[in-house]
Structures are given as C-alpha cells and as structure tokens.
Amino acid sequence: MNRRTKIIATIGPASDSEENLRHLIEAGMDVARISLAHDNLDITLERYNRVRKMAAEFDHEVGIMVDLPGPKVRAGSFPDEGVVMVVGDRIRLVPGFKASTHEVVEVGYERLLSDIEPGDRLAFGDGVVDMEILDYDNDGLIAEITHGGKVQGRPGVHIPSDRLRIPSPTREDLRMLDAFVEADVDMVAVSMVRSAHDVRMVGTEPHPRGPLVVAKIETRAAVENLTGILDAAGAVMVARGDLGNECPIEDLPHLQKHIIRECIAHGRPAITATQMLESMLHSATPTRAEATDVANAIFDGTSAVMLSGETAIGHDPANAVATMASIAERADTEFDYQRWAMNLADLRIEEPSNFDTDITDTMTMATWRAATELDASAIIAITRSGFTVRAIARFRPQAQILGFSSDPRTIRQLTLSWGSTPILMPSAGNTSNKDMVDSAVAEARTRGLVRRGDIVAVLAGSHGQSPATDVLRVVRVP
C-alpha cells in the first residue's frame, strides 16, 4: 500500500534552492508551506515561484500553502549566541522591536503594559521558556522564569489570546495575501483564529476559485468555537505550539484527538503540526517519542502531518521528509480501516448544510460500502470543487482514491486530502456521465493506477455541471 497520509514541508533558507526543492519532492513532500512571518514579500514570492517551477518538473502535483503571520508578537533580537534563561531568573519586559538581553527583553507589542497584568503567564517560542508576570516596573514588567531554556533570534512571545487586542487576520496579512492570490496560491493558513468571523475576514473567493482557507487552531477560543470555524474554513491545522501554551499541557493530546474527530465529521482535512520531528533540526534520526507521535496522529485520523523548522532551517530537510514519509507509510499500513469506517457514523454531523451535500454524503457512504464488498482497486471521484474527494476520504477506504477534476487549482488543493491522487482531466462542460466515467477510467489505466480486469467504483455528477455527486457506477476496467 502506498502512503495515504499527506506531508507538508515548510520551505526556508535550508530548503529553498532548486536542488533542495527537487530533493524534498522526491522524498515525498505533498504540500510546500511558505511562512510569511520571517521574510519580506519579495523573498517569499520568489520562494513561491521557485516551488512552482520545480513542481512542474514532476509528474505528480505539489500544492503550496502560505501561512499568514497573524497577530504574532515577537521579541527583539537576542545576541547571535543566544541567551540561556534558568528557573528563578527575573527579567524586565518592555515594549520595543530592537534588541534583547538576558536582563531586558523588548516585546513588539505596544499595548504590553496595558493588556498584561501580574499573574499572567507568557512564553518564548513554543514554550521553550515560560515566565510569570510579577509586577509593573515604571516602563516595563517584571517576570520570573518558571521554565528555563535557550532563546535566540527573534522568538515569538506567546500572550494569552484573551489578552491580545490585535485582530486576525491583520491588515498586513491581507496585504500580503493579495499578492499571493494574484499568483494563484492554492491554500492560505490563518493564524490565531478565534471564531468563524476571523476566517470570513480573509475575504477571498470560496475555493477552488480562491485559495482553500486553513484555520489554525491555537487559541482556547478557537477550541470553544470549533464547530463554527469548521463551517467557515476549508481545512484545519492543529497548531500545537501556541495551543499548548494556551491550555494545560495535559489537555493537549485530548484536544488534538477532539479537533481531528470534528474535522472528520465535517469532511475537512486535518493537519497535525508543531515539533513532530523536532530533534531532526540537528539529528539524522528522530527520537522514539517523535516517531510514535507521528504514528499516533495518523491513527487518530489526521489527513496530513507537517514539518516546520525541520525542513526550513534543519541540517538535512530531505532526510526529514523521507523519515516522515517512512513513518507515515508504516502507520498507514497498520491503520484499522474497517473499524474506522464502521465508527464513522458516530462522528457524522446530524444536519447536512444543504440538499446537495446530503446527496453527496449518502453517495460517498454507498461508494465505500460497494468498494469494500467488491474489493475494488480504486475509487474514482470526478469533482469540480474537491468536496467529493474529501467526503469519500472520511471513510478511509482501503481502495486508492483517484480525484479527477478539470480545475487545476482543485487538483493542487487535493494534495492536502488524505489518500487522494489528484489527476487533471479535460473540462467536462455538458459531457455525459458515461463519457466522463469512461474517460477517467481510461486515464487511470494509462497511468498504471488500475489494470485490465480491476473493479473500480466511480463517483460523479449526472452531467458536467451537476451540483451534487449523484451517480455511482461500478465498472470493470476494460
């Protein structure tokens, strides 16, 4: 069985050359993530265009997701060698954007003194250093280190989301996004989402006309408003760094499972992110705990797993992707497909959003049953928006999912969907259902994805412009 779980790799200084991008794609990268938090717009657009260029060399699709910075608060730059903070140290936090030392840390948040109060807990990075605010000190705050570590560069400063008074997405987010929408970007991740309103504020055309919007769940408010966010977003990222700062650490594994289950119920891809193979920033192999973490996320039902610093600044990005691919492929082999599908009814939302969605949901369930009982080698889903593929992927069928669409952006957005092999087909127009099915089956055979005599289940609309997936055909490959 080929790997079904998708891999997202963050592109950064260690991986953005043409040679390194080629190695990442060869190693198994399905989606390239470009963070907009660290470099200017010109650099990130150049990086984006380079990924597009290298992806065109391969015979499989690579999606691109840009990650908006959001209301990210960062500390002023620490010395090149970094600063080690130990438990019990006291530091001063002052508003500013320039330099930080062991004694005084500048924090790029103008409302620092008015919004933060004694008793609040802040953190540098993804919890590398934790601190508690003790008191005010004229033009600053006095904090005591409660968990020590080394900080360097310009680390993020986690401020509890209920204290932060910066909207998401920010004006700067939207300015940068406009440039990438013009460049035809496939997906956009929105940081520090608190509610469905934040997702709608992105303001792009619904996918696939616009980018698929990925809501990053990293605040307590987002967990509480998850259902509404799922209705507004196209996918969700379990951003465990800030979420682990917002919530008790012992709650984090259970929140991850809860979020993934809700994504499955709503037919949304779920991405599990943050510190998945963190040790591979410097090491050639991950820790045993990291390998287990990746596998357990897959057993939970995640659609994709994400690498961050491991590929952006790590010493061997391609090795990190290859290692992730190996762990994921092994976990996919051990996944309990039969039990998952049988239990899916417990996860499904009770009221579909509309009649067409209801039809597609029912047809995808029937397709899973038919493919399972007939031991079909593939499920071919002919789709305009990608919804049919995402709907059938919820069932985690053992048959491969071949997603056919005439929309190039839909094809690239399907690189995020579990188990799917996206394939571009000619525009359907008013083509008959039989012609579409015959064309898709023939193309699958030409590509070597199915063989003569195989049984294939095909999901499609009754015609090229059908608003719902309302036809299921079971065919033997000629």
Protein backbone atom coordinates (compact mmCIF):
# COMPACT_ATOMS: atom_id res chain seq x y z
CA MET A 1 0.00 0.00 0.00
CA ASN A 2 1.30 3.44 -0.92
CA ARG A 3 1.40 6.19 1.69
CA ARG A 4 -2.02 7.78 2.21
CA THR A 5 -1.23 10.46 4.83
CA LYS A 6 -0.01 13.71 3.24
CA ILE A 7 3.21 15.50 4.19
CA ILE A 8 3.57 19.28 4.42
CA ALA A 9 7.12 20.65 4.47
CA THR A 10 7.98 24.23 5.39
CA ILE A 11 10.29 25.94 2.91
CA GLY A 12 13.02 28.14 4.35
CA PRO A 13 16.69 29.05 3.93
CA ALA A 14 17.78 25.42 4.26
CA SER A 15 15.44 24.14 1.57
CA ASP A 16 14.52 26.85 -0.93
CA SER A 17 17.19 26.26 -3.56
CA GLU A 18 16.11 24.46 -6.72
CA GLU A 19 18.26 21.45 -5.85
CA ASN A 20 16.88 21.15 -2.32
CA LEU A 21 13.28 21.60 -3.50
CA ARG A 22 13.82 18.79 -6.00
CA HIS A 23 15.08 16.57 -3.18
CA LEU A 24 12.06 17.44 -0.99
CA ILE A 25 9.61 16.50 -3.74
CA GLU A 26 11.48 13.28 -4.44
CA ALA A 27 11.45 12.46 -0.72
CA GLY A 28 7.65 12.75 -0.54
CA MET A 29 6.58 16.38 0.03
CA ASP A 30 2.91 16.79 -0.99
CA VAL A 31 2.41 20.41 0.07
CA ALA A 32 5.01 23.16 0.42
CA ARG A 33 4.33 25.59 3.26
CA ILE A 34 5.73 29.10 2.98
CA SER A 35 5.63 31.09 6.20
CA LEU A 36 5.24 34.83 5.75
CA ALA A 37 6.37 35.61 9.31
CA HIS A 38 10.11 35.82 8.79
CA ASP A 39 10.92 37.26 5.36
CA ASN A 40 9.67 40.15 3.28
CA LEU A 41 7.13 39.82 0.49
CA ASP A 42 9.68 39.84 -2.34
CA ILE A 43 11.64 36.97 -0.83
CA THR A 44 8.56 34.86 -0.15
CA LEU A 45 7.17 35.45 -3.66
CA GLU A 46 10.50 34.37 -5.15
CA ARG A 47 10.35 31.25 -2.95
CA TYR A 48 6.78 30.58 -4.09
CA ASN A 49 7.69 30.87 -7.78
CA ARG A 50 10.69 28.60 -7.29
CA VAL A 51 8.48 25.90 -5.77
CA ARG A 52 6.05 26.19 -8.68
CA LYS A 53 8.90 25.87 -11.16
CA MET A 54 10.37 22.76 -9.53
CA ALA A 55 6.99 21.10 -9.02
CA ALA A 56 6.33 21.40 -12.76
CA GLU A 57 9.23 19.02 -13.40
CA PHE A 58 7.42 16.13 -11.70
CA ASP A 59 4.51 14.00 -12.86
CA HIS A 60 2.58 14.47 -9.63
CA GLU A 61 1.04 17.58 -8.12
CA VAL A 62 2.56 19.66 -5.32
CA GLY A 63 0.31 22.14 -3.52
CA ILE A 64 1.51 25.40 -1.97
CA MET A 65 0.20 26.86 1.26
CA VAL A 66 1.15 30.32 2.51
CA ASP A 67 0.95 30.82 6.27
CA LEU A 68 -0.06 34.32 7.35
CA PRO A 69 1.83 35.70 10.38
CA GLY A 70 -1.34 36.84 12.14
CA PRO A 71 -1.13 38.90 15.31
CA LYS A 72 2.26 37.38 16.08
CA VAL A 73 4.21 39.13 18.81
CA ARG A 74 7.98 38.75 18.70
CA ALA A 75 10.84 39.68 20.98
CA GLY A 76 13.65 41.97 19.90
CA SER A 77 16.75 40.17 18.59
CA PHE A 78 18.86 38.27 21.09
CA PRO A 79 22.65 38.05 20.63
CA ASP A 80 23.84 35.63 17.93
CA GLU A 81 24.98 33.09 20.52
CA GLY A 82 21.59 33.16 22.20
CA VAL A 83 20.72 33.63 25.87
CA VAL A 84 20.17 30.88 28.44
CA MET A 85 17.47 31.63 31.00
CA VAL A 86 17.15 29.48 34.10
CA VAL A 87 14.34 28.96 36.58
CA GLY A 88 14.18 31.78 39.09
CA ASP A 89 15.79 34.42 36.88
CA ARG A 90 14.00 37.75 36.80
CA ILE A 91 13.82 39.80 33.63
CA ARG A 92 12.21 43.04 32.52
CA LEU A 93 9.82 43.11 29.57
CA VAL A 94 9.48 46.45 27.80
CA PRO A 95 7.66 47.50 24.61
CA GLY A 96 10.05 47.61 21.66
CA PHE A 97 11.21 45.92 18.48
CA LYS A 98 15.00 46.15 18.59
CA ALA A 99 17.44 44.28 20.84
CA SER A 100 17.03 41.96 23.82
CA THR A 101 19.47 40.82 26.51
CA HIS A 102 19.39 38.46 29.46
CA GLU A 103 18.14 41.28 31.68
CA VAL A 104 15.82 43.28 29.40
CA VAL A 105 13.64 41.80 26.66
CA GLU A 106 11.95 44.07 24.17
CA VAL A 107 8.49 42.84 23.13
CA GLY A 108 6.92 44.05 19.88
CA TYR A 109 3.53 44.81 21.38
CA GLU A 110 2.65 48.43 22.02
CA ARG A 111 -0.13 47.58 24.50
CA LEU A 112 2.16 45.38 26.60
CA LEU A 113 1.82 47.44 29.77
CA SER A 114 -1.93 47.99 29.50
CA ASP A 115 -3.01 44.48 28.43
CA ILE A 116 -0.72 42.27 30.54
CA GLU A 117 -1.24 42.01 34.30
CA PRO A 118 0.57 40.42 37.25
CA GLY A 119 -0.26 36.72 37.36
CA ASP A 120 -0.35 36.31 33.58
CA ARG A 121 1.90 33.62 32.08
CA LEU A 122 3.88 34.31 28.92
CA ALA A 123 6.25 32.16 26.89
CA PHE A 124 9.04 32.48 24.34
CA GLY A 125 8.81 30.27 21.28
CA ASP A 126 6.70 27.14 21.56
CA GLY A 127 7.16 27.02 25.33
CA VAL A 128 10.97 26.99 25.23
CA VAL A 129 10.92 29.48 28.12
CA ASP A 130 7.91 30.11 30.36
CA MET A 131 7.52 33.02 32.74
CA GLU A 132 5.05 34.56 35.17
CA ILE A 133 4.45 38.30 35.39
CA LEU A 134 5.11 39.50 38.95
CA ASP A 135 4.72 43.27 38.90
CA TYR A 136 4.91 46.54 36.98
CA ASP A 137 8.17 48.48 36.93
CA ASN A 138 7.72 52.01 35.62
CA ASP A 139 8.03 51.44 31.86
CA GLY A 140 8.18 47.65 32.00
CA LEU A 141 7.01 44.40 33.56
CA ILE A 142 8.94 42.19 35.97
CA ALA A 143 8.74 38.50 35.10
CA GLU A 144 10.16 35.40 36.77
CA ILE A 145 11.31 32.43 34.68
CA THR A 146 9.32 29.31 35.62
CA HIS A 147 10.75 27.06 32.89
CA GLY A 148 14.20 27.75 31.55
CA GLY A 149 15.89 27.27 28.20
CA LYS A 150 17.87 28.94 25.45
CA VAL A 151 16.35 31.72 23.35
CA GLN A 152 17.87 33.13 20.19
CA GLY A 153 16.98 35.15 17.15
CA ARG A 154 13.57 36.85 17.38
CA PRO A 155 11.40 34.27 19.15
CA GLY A 156 7.65 34.58 19.26
CA VAL A 157 6.19 35.78 22.53
CA HIS A 158 3.03 33.95 23.45
CA ILE A 159 0.48 36.27 25.03
CA PRO A 160 -2.80 34.65 26.17
CA SER A 161 -5.31 35.15 23.36
CA ASP A 162 -7.90 36.65 25.69
CA ARG A 163 -5.39 39.42 26.46
CA LEU A 164 -4.28 40.08 22.90
CA ARG A 165 -6.02 43.05 21.30
CA ILE A 166 -4.78 42.54 17.73
CA PRO A 167 -7.35 41.29 15.19
CA SER A 168 -6.70 38.30 12.95
CA PRO A 169 -6.08 38.42 10.06
CA THR A 170 -4.21 41.69 10.35
CA ARG A 171 -4.09 44.41 7.70
CA GLU A 172 -0.55 43.32 6.86
CA ASP A 173 -1.78 39.71 6.48
CA LEU A 174 -4.37 40.80 3.94
CA ARG A 175 -1.88 42.95 2.05
CA MET A 176 0.49 40.01 1.65
CA LEU A 177 -2.33 37.63 0.82
CA ASP A 178 -3.47 39.86 -2.07
CA ALA A 179 -0.09 39.34 -3.72
CA PHE A 180 -0.32 35.56 -3.41
CA VAL A 181 -3.92 35.42 -4.59
CA GLU A 182 -2.73 37.18 -7.76
CA ALA A 183 -0.05 34.49 -8.02
CA ASP A 184 -2.76 31.78 -7.84
CA VAL A 185 -1.78 30.31 -4.46
CA ASP A 186 -3.55 27.07 -3.52
CA MET A 187 -4.06 27.39 0.23
CA VAL A 188 -3.75 30.02 2.95
CA ALA A 189 -3.33 29.32 6.67
CA VAL A 190 -4.80 31.92 9.04
CA SER A 191 -3.06 32.31 12.39
CA MET A 192 -4.59 32.87 15.82
CA VAL A 193 -8.16 32.23 14.68
CA ARG A 194 -10.68 32.79 17.46
CA SER A 195 -14.00 32.39 15.64
CA ALA A 196 -15.65 31.87 12.26
CA HIS A 197 -15.63 35.66 11.85
CA ASP A 198 -11.83 35.61 11.64
CA VAL A 199 -11.98 33.03 8.85
CA ARG A 200 -14.53 35.04 6.89
CA MET A 201 -12.38 38.16 7.24
CA VAL A 202 -9.90 36.60 4.81
CA GLY A 203 -12.35 37.73 2.15
CA THR A 204 -11.13 35.57 -0.75
CA GLU A 205 -13.38 33.76 -3.23
CA PRO A 206 -14.59 30.36 -2.00
CA HIS A 207 -12.29 27.54 -3.07
CA PRO A 208 -11.46 26.45 -5.68
CA ARG A 209 -11.97 29.91 -7.25
CA GLY A 210 -9.88 31.21 -4.39
CA PRO A 211 -7.39 29.53 -2.05
CA LEU A 212 -8.56 26.87 0.37
CA VAL A 213 -8.57 28.56 3.81
CA VAL A 214 -6.86 26.63 6.61
CA ALA A 215 -7.83 27.78 10.12
CA LYS A 216 -5.03 27.32 12.64
CA ILE A 217 -6.46 26.15 15.97
CA GLU A 218 -4.06 27.62 18.51
CA THR A 219 -6.26 29.54 20.95
CA ARG A 220 -8.67 28.49 23.66
CA ALA A 221 -11.42 30.50 21.93
CA ALA A 222 -10.88 28.53 18.70
CA VAL A 223 -11.43 25.24 20.52
CA GLU A 224 -14.64 26.59 22.04
CA ASN A 225 -15.85 27.89 18.64
CA LEU A 226 -14.62 24.91 16.61
CA THR A 227 -17.95 23.98 15.01
CA GLY A 228 -18.46 27.45 13.55
CA ILE A 229 -14.85 27.60 12.37
CA LEU A 230 -15.23 24.27 10.59
CA ASP A 231 -18.31 25.56 8.79
CA ALA A 232 -16.34 28.57 7.53
CA ALA A 233 -12.93 27.02 6.80
CA GLY A 234 -11.81 24.53 4.16
CA ALA A 235 -9.35 22.75 6.46
CA VAL A 236 -7.92 22.99 9.97
CA MET A 237 -4.44 22.88 11.45
CA VAL A 238 -3.87 21.63 14.99
CA ALA A 239 -1.13 24.14 15.83
CA ARG A 240 0.16 22.52 18.99
CA GLY A 241 2.76 25.16 19.85
CA ASP A 242 0.57 28.09 20.88
CA LEU A 243 -2.32 25.75 21.74
CA GLY A 244 -0.06 24.07 24.27
CA ASN A 245 0.72 27.48 25.75
CA GLU A 246 -2.97 28.42 25.92
CA CYS A 247 -4.20 25.19 27.54
CA PRO A 248 -2.84 22.88 30.24
CA ILE A 249 -0.26 20.61 28.64
CA GLU A 250 -2.05 17.50 29.91
CA ASP A 251 -5.12 18.56 27.88
CA LEU A 252 -3.23 18.89 24.58
CA PRO A 253 -3.35 15.23 23.41
CA HIS A 254 -7.08 15.10 24.07
CA LEU A 255 -7.69 18.40 22.29
CA GLN A 256 -5.76 17.07 19.29
CA LYS A 257 -7.99 13.99 19.12
CA HIS A 258 -11.13 16.09 19.57
CA ILE A 259 -10.21 18.54 16.81
CA ILE A 260 -9.32 15.78 14.35
CA ARG A 261 -12.57 13.93 15.05
CA GLU A 262 -14.58 17.10 14.43
CA CYS A 263 -12.70 17.69 11.16
CA ILE A 264 -13.60 14.18 10.02
CA ALA A 265 -17.25 14.75 10.94
CA HIS A 266 -17.34 17.91 8.82
CA GLY A 267 -15.38 16.44 5.91
CA ARG A 268 -12.45 18.84 6.44
CA PRO A 269 -8.78 17.87 6.11
CA ALA A 270 -6.95 17.99 9.44
CA ILE A 271 -3.27 18.92 9.70
CA THR A 272 -1.24 17.99 12.79
CA ALA A 273 1.68 20.36 13.28
CA THR A 274 4.49 21.54 15.59
CA GLN A 275 7.53 19.67 16.88
CA MET A 276 6.67 16.42 15.11
CA LEU A 277 10.31 15.56 14.32
CA GLU A 278 11.90 18.49 16.14
CA SER A 279 15.10 16.62 17.00
CA MET A 280 15.83 16.34 13.27
CA LEU A 281 16.76 20.00 13.25
CA HIS A 282 20.20 18.67 14.21
CA SER A 283 19.95 14.87 14.30
CA ALA A 284 19.84 12.38 11.43
CA THR A 285 17.08 10.38 13.14
CA PRO A 286 14.06 11.37 15.26
CA THR A 287 13.52 10.33 18.84
CA ARG A 288 11.40 7.27 19.54
CA ALA A 289 8.77 9.52 21.10
CA GLU A 290 8.57 11.66 17.95
CA ALA A 291 8.12 8.62 15.69
CA THR A 292 5.34 7.41 17.99
CA ASP A 293 3.74 10.87 17.98
CA VAL A 294 3.55 10.90 14.17
CA ALA A 295 2.07 7.41 14.03
CA ASN A 296 -0.49 8.18 16.74
CA ALA A 297 -1.63 11.31 14.90
CA ILE A 298 -2.26 9.11 11.86
CA PHE A 299 -4.16 6.57 13.94
CA ASP A 300 -6.26 9.50 15.24
CA GLY A 301 -7.27 10.21 11.63
CA THR A 302 -5.15 13.22 10.70
CA SER A 303 -5.08 13.95 6.96
CA ALA A 304 -1.60 15.46 6.93
CA VAL A 305 1.44 15.85 9.15
CA MET A 306 3.61 18.94 8.97
CA LEU A 307 7.31 19.66 9.29
CA SER A 308 8.34 23.18 10.32
CA GLY A 309 11.90 24.03 11.34
CA GLU A 310 12.99 20.52 10.40
CA THR A 311 12.83 21.45 6.71
CA ALA A 312 13.02 25.26 6.91
CA ILE A 313 16.29 25.53 8.84
CA GLY A 314 17.28 21.92 9.65
CA HIS A 315 20.58 20.40 8.59
CA ASP A 316 19.01 17.80 6.24
CA PRO A 317 15.49 18.75 5.08
CA ALA A 318 15.11 15.94 2.54
CA ASN A 319 16.03 13.35 5.16
CA ALA A 320 13.38 14.77 7.49
CA VAL A 321 10.72 14.41 4.76
CA ALA A 322 11.89 10.91 3.83
CA THR A 323 11.81 9.88 7.50
CA MET A 324 8.33 11.32 7.95
CA ALA A 325 7.20 9.50 4.79
CA SER A 326 8.57 6.21 6.06
CA ILE A 327 6.85 6.54 9.45
CA ALA A 328 3.58 7.60 7.81
CA GLU A 329 3.60 4.78 5.27
CA ARG A 330 4.13 2.21 8.02
CA ALA A 331 1.34 3.73 10.13
CA ASP A 332 -0.98 3.76 7.12
CA THR A 333 -0.37 0.03 6.72
CA GLU A 334 -1.39 -0.61 10.34
CA PHE A 335 -4.43 1.69 10.28
CA ASP A 336 -7.67 -0.10 11.24
CA TYR A 337 -9.62 0.80 8.10
CA GLN A 338 -12.59 -1.46 8.74
CA ARG A 339 -13.27 -0.27 12.28
CA TRP A 340 -12.74 3.37 11.32
CA ALA A 341 -15.45 3.32 8.66
CA MET A 342 -17.85 1.40 10.90
CA ASN A 343 -17.44 4.01 13.63
CA LEU A 344 -17.73 6.98 11.26
CA ALA A 345 -21.50 7.19 11.75
CA ASP A 346 -20.80 8.29 15.34
CA LEU A 347 -18.76 11.21 14.02
CA ARG A 348 -21.07 12.50 11.30
CA ILE A 349 -22.83 15.80 11.84
CA GLU A 350 -26.55 15.31 12.24
CA GLU A 351 -27.81 18.01 9.88
CA PRO A 352 -26.09 18.42 6.49
CA SER A 353 -25.75 22.00 5.38
CA ASN A 354 -27.90 21.58 2.24
CA PHE A 355 -29.65 19.09 0.00
CA ASP A 356 -26.71 18.69 -2.41
CA THR A 357 -24.36 17.98 0.48
CA ASP A 358 -26.80 15.41 1.81
CA ILE A 359 -26.81 13.61 -1.55
CA THR A 360 -23.01 13.60 -1.73
CA ASP A 361 -22.70 12.30 1.84
CA THR A 362 -25.11 9.47 1.13
CA MET A 363 -23.46 8.57 -2.16
CA THR A 364 -19.97 8.50 -0.69
CA MET A 365 -21.12 6.14 2.06
CA ALA A 366 -22.69 3.87 -0.57
CA THR A 367 -19.46 4.02 -2.57
CA TRP A 368 -17.37 2.99 0.42
CA ARG A 369 -19.64 0.00 1.05
CA ALA A 370 -19.61 -1.05 -2.60
CA ALA A 371 -15.83 -0.66 -2.91
CA THR A 372 -15.27 -2.65 0.28
CA GLU A 373 -17.64 -5.52 -0.53
CA LEU A 374 -16.46 -5.81 -4.15
CA ASP A 375 -12.77 -5.40 -3.23
CA ALA A 376 -12.44 -2.52 -5.68
CA SER A 377 -8.90 -1.48 -6.53
CA ALA A 378 -9.80 2.20 -6.80
CA ILE A 379 -12.47 4.79 -6.16
CA ILE A 380 -12.56 7.39 -8.91
CA ALA A 381 -14.14 10.68 -7.81
CA ILE A 382 -14.92 13.19 -10.56
CA THR A 383 -15.24 16.57 -8.86
CA ARG A 384 -15.25 20.30 -9.54
CA SER A 385 -14.55 21.64 -6.05
CA GLY A 386 -12.84 18.65 -4.42
CA PHE A 387 -15.74 18.12 -2.00
CA THR A 388 -16.49 14.62 -3.29
CA VAL A 389 -12.90 13.52 -2.71
CA ARG A 390 -12.85 14.96 0.80
CA ALA A 391 -16.20 13.32 1.55
CA ILE A 392 -15.08 9.83 0.50
CA ALA A 393 -11.70 10.29 2.24
CA ARG A 394 -13.54 10.49 5.58
CA PHE A 395 -14.24 6.77 5.31
CA ARG A 396 -10.54 5.95 4.93
CA PRO A 397 -11.22 3.34 2.21
CA GLN A 398 -8.53 0.77 1.51
CA ALA A 399 -9.07 1.29 -2.22
CA GLN A 400 -6.97 4.12 -3.62
CA ILE A 401 -8.80 7.42 -4.19
CA LEU A 402 -8.27 8.97 -7.62
CA GLY A 403 -9.53 12.55 -7.69
CA PHE A 404 -10.29 13.80 -11.21
CA SER A 405 -11.05 17.45 -11.86
CA SER A 406 -10.84 19.88 -14.76
CA ASP A 407 -9.86 22.71 -12.39
CA PRO A 408 -6.05 22.95 -11.91
CA ARG A 409 -6.43 24.67 -8.54
CA THR A 410 -8.81 21.97 -7.27
CA ILE A 411 -6.17 19.42 -8.26
CA ARG A 412 -3.48 21.23 -6.27
CA GLN A 413 -5.80 21.70 -3.28
CA LEU A 414 -6.43 17.94 -3.25
CA THR A 415 -2.77 17.40 -2.40
CA LEU A 416 -3.88 18.09 1.18
CA SER A 417 -6.63 15.44 1.21
CA TRP A 418 -5.89 12.07 2.74
CA GLY A 419 -5.33 9.21 0.34
CA SER A 420 -6.08 11.15 -2.82
CA THR A 421 -4.16 11.06 -6.09
CA PRO A 422 -5.19 14.25 -7.94
CA ILE A 423 -5.46 13.96 -11.74
CA LEU A 424 -6.25 16.81 -14.14
CA MET A 425 -8.85 15.94 -16.80
CA PRO A 426 -10.25 17.95 -19.74
CA SER A 427 -13.15 20.30 -18.98
CA ALA A 428 -16.36 18.30 -18.65
CA GLY A 429 -18.77 21.02 -19.82
CA ASN A 430 -22.06 19.27 -20.55
CA THR A 431 -20.35 15.95 -21.25
CA SER A 432 -22.50 12.94 -20.40
CA ASN A 433 -21.84 10.96 -17.26
CA LYS A 434 -20.88 7.88 -19.29
CA ASP A 435 -18.28 9.81 -21.29
CA MET A 436 -16.76 11.29 -18.11
CA VAL A 437 -16.57 7.88 -16.45
CA ASP A 438 -15.09 6.18 -19.50
CA SER A 439 -12.51 8.94 -19.89
CA ALA A 440 -11.47 8.80 -16.22
CA VAL A 441 -11.17 5.01 -16.19
CA ALA A 442 -9.10 5.08 -19.39
CA GLU A 443 -6.77 7.74 -17.96
CA ALA A 444 -6.32 5.78 -14.70
CA ARG A 445 -5.37 2.71 -16.72
CA THR A 446 -2.97 4.70 -18.93
CA ARG A 447 -1.20 5.97 -15.80
CA GLY A 448 -0.87 2.43 -14.45
CA LEU A 449 -3.09 3.16 -11.44
CA VAL A 450 -5.56 0.41 -12.36
CA ARG A 451 -5.21 -2.65 -14.58
CA ARG A 452 -7.41 -4.50 -17.03
CA GLY A 453 -9.98 -6.55 -15.12
CA ASP A 454 -9.86 -4.42 -11.95
CA ILE A 455 -13.15 -3.39 -10.36
CA VAL A 456 -13.46 0.37 -9.96
CA ALA A 457 -16.15 2.44 -8.22
CA VAL A 458 -16.76 5.78 -9.94
CA LEU A 459 -18.48 8.77 -8.27
CA ALA A 460 -19.64 11.66 -10.44
CA GLY A 461 -22.42 14.10 -11.17
CA SER A 462 -25.10 13.17 -13.66
CA HIS A 463 -23.53 15.74 -16.02
CA GLY A 464 -20.52 18.04 -16.08
CA GLN A 465 -22.28 20.89 -14.24
CA SER A 466 -24.17 18.78 -11.71
CA PRO A 467 -24.35 20.49 -8.28
CA ALA A 468 -24.10 17.19 -6.39
CA THR A 469 -22.40 13.83 -6.69
CA ASP A 470 -25.47 11.85 -7.60
CA VAL A 471 -24.22 8.91 -9.69
CA LEU A 472 -22.28 5.82 -8.62
CA ARG A 473 -21.11 3.36 -11.24
CA VAL A 474 -19.18 0.16 -10.62
CA VAL A 475 -17.20 -0.87 -13.67
CA ARG A 476 -14.62 -3.46 -14.64
CA VAL A 477 -11.59 -1.90 -16.31
CA PRO A 478 -11.61 -2.89 -20.00
